Amino acid sequence: MVSLKYEIEDKACISVVNGRNLCQALRYNWVGLGTAVASIVALAFVKIKPSN
């Protein structure tokens, strides 16, 4: 992995190393994190009835 300092030029969010849009990748990671946190919170409130 390359440091972000050396990977982008002129704060354009486009990687010099592999040409990926790093801002878009970061946005997807934030959406994934939000979805995971929301799922964990939702599951914390679900009650499971024991089957007797």
Protein backbone atom coordinates (compact mmCIF):
# COMPACT_ATOMS: atom_id res chain seq x y z
CA MET A 1 0.00 0.00 0.00
CA VAL A 2 1.10 3.53 -0.73
CA SER A 3 0.60 6.48 1.58
CA LEU A 4 -2.27 8.75 0.54
CA LYS A 5 0.20 11.64 0.54
CA TYR A 6 2.10 10.07 -2.37
CA GLU A 7 -0.83 8.44 -4.11
CA ILE A 8 -2.84 11.52 -5.18
CA GLU A 9 -1.87 14.73 -6.92
CA ASP A 10 -3.57 18.12 -6.55
CA LYS A 11 -6.28 16.69 -4.23
CA ALA A 12 -8.19 15.28 -7.20
CA CYS A 13 -9.09 12.01 -5.42
CA ILE A 14 -7.82 10.01 -8.39
CA SER A 15 -5.08 7.58 -7.51
CA VAL A 16 -1.84 8.05 -9.41
CA VAL A 17 -0.89 4.46 -8.65
CA ASN A 18 -3.94 2.60 -10.00
CA GLY A 19 -6.36 5.25 -11.33
CA ARG A 20 -9.18 4.54 -8.84
CA ASN A 21 -11.43 7.27 -7.49
CA LEU A 22 -10.47 7.26 -3.82
CA CYS A 23 -13.27 9.64 -2.76
CA GLN A 24 -15.87 7.23 -4.15
CA ALA A 25 -14.21 4.29 -2.38
CA LEU A 26 -14.24 6.23 0.89
CA ARG A 27 -17.91 7.09 0.43
CA TYR A 28 -18.77 3.40 -0.13
CA ASN A 29 -16.86 2.49 3.03
CA TRP A 30 -18.84 5.05 5.07
CA VAL A 31 -22.12 3.70 3.67
CA GLY A 32 -21.05 0.16 4.54
CA LEU A 33 -20.09 1.22 8.06
CA GLY A 34 -23.42 2.98 8.56
CA THR A 35 -25.31 -0.08 7.34
CA ALA A 36 -23.36 -2.36 9.68
CA VAL A 37 -23.96 -0.11 12.69
CA ALA A 38 -27.68 0.20 11.88
CA SER A 39 -27.95 -3.59 11.57
CA ILE A 40 -26.24 -4.13 14.91
CA VAL A 41 -28.51 -1.62 16.63
CA ALA A 42 -31.60 -3.18 15.04
CA LEU A 43 -30.55 -6.66 16.11
CA ALA A 44 -29.96 -5.41 19.66
CA PHE A 45 -33.66 -4.58 19.94
CA VAL A 46 -34.97 -7.85 18.51
CA LYS A 47 -36.29 -10.20 21.15
CA ILE A 48 -36.13 -13.91 20.51
CA LYS A 49 -38.71 -16.01 22.32
CA PRO A 50 -37.33 -19.29 23.62
CA SER A 51 -39.19 -22.32 22.29
CA ASN A 52 -40.39 -24.54 25.12
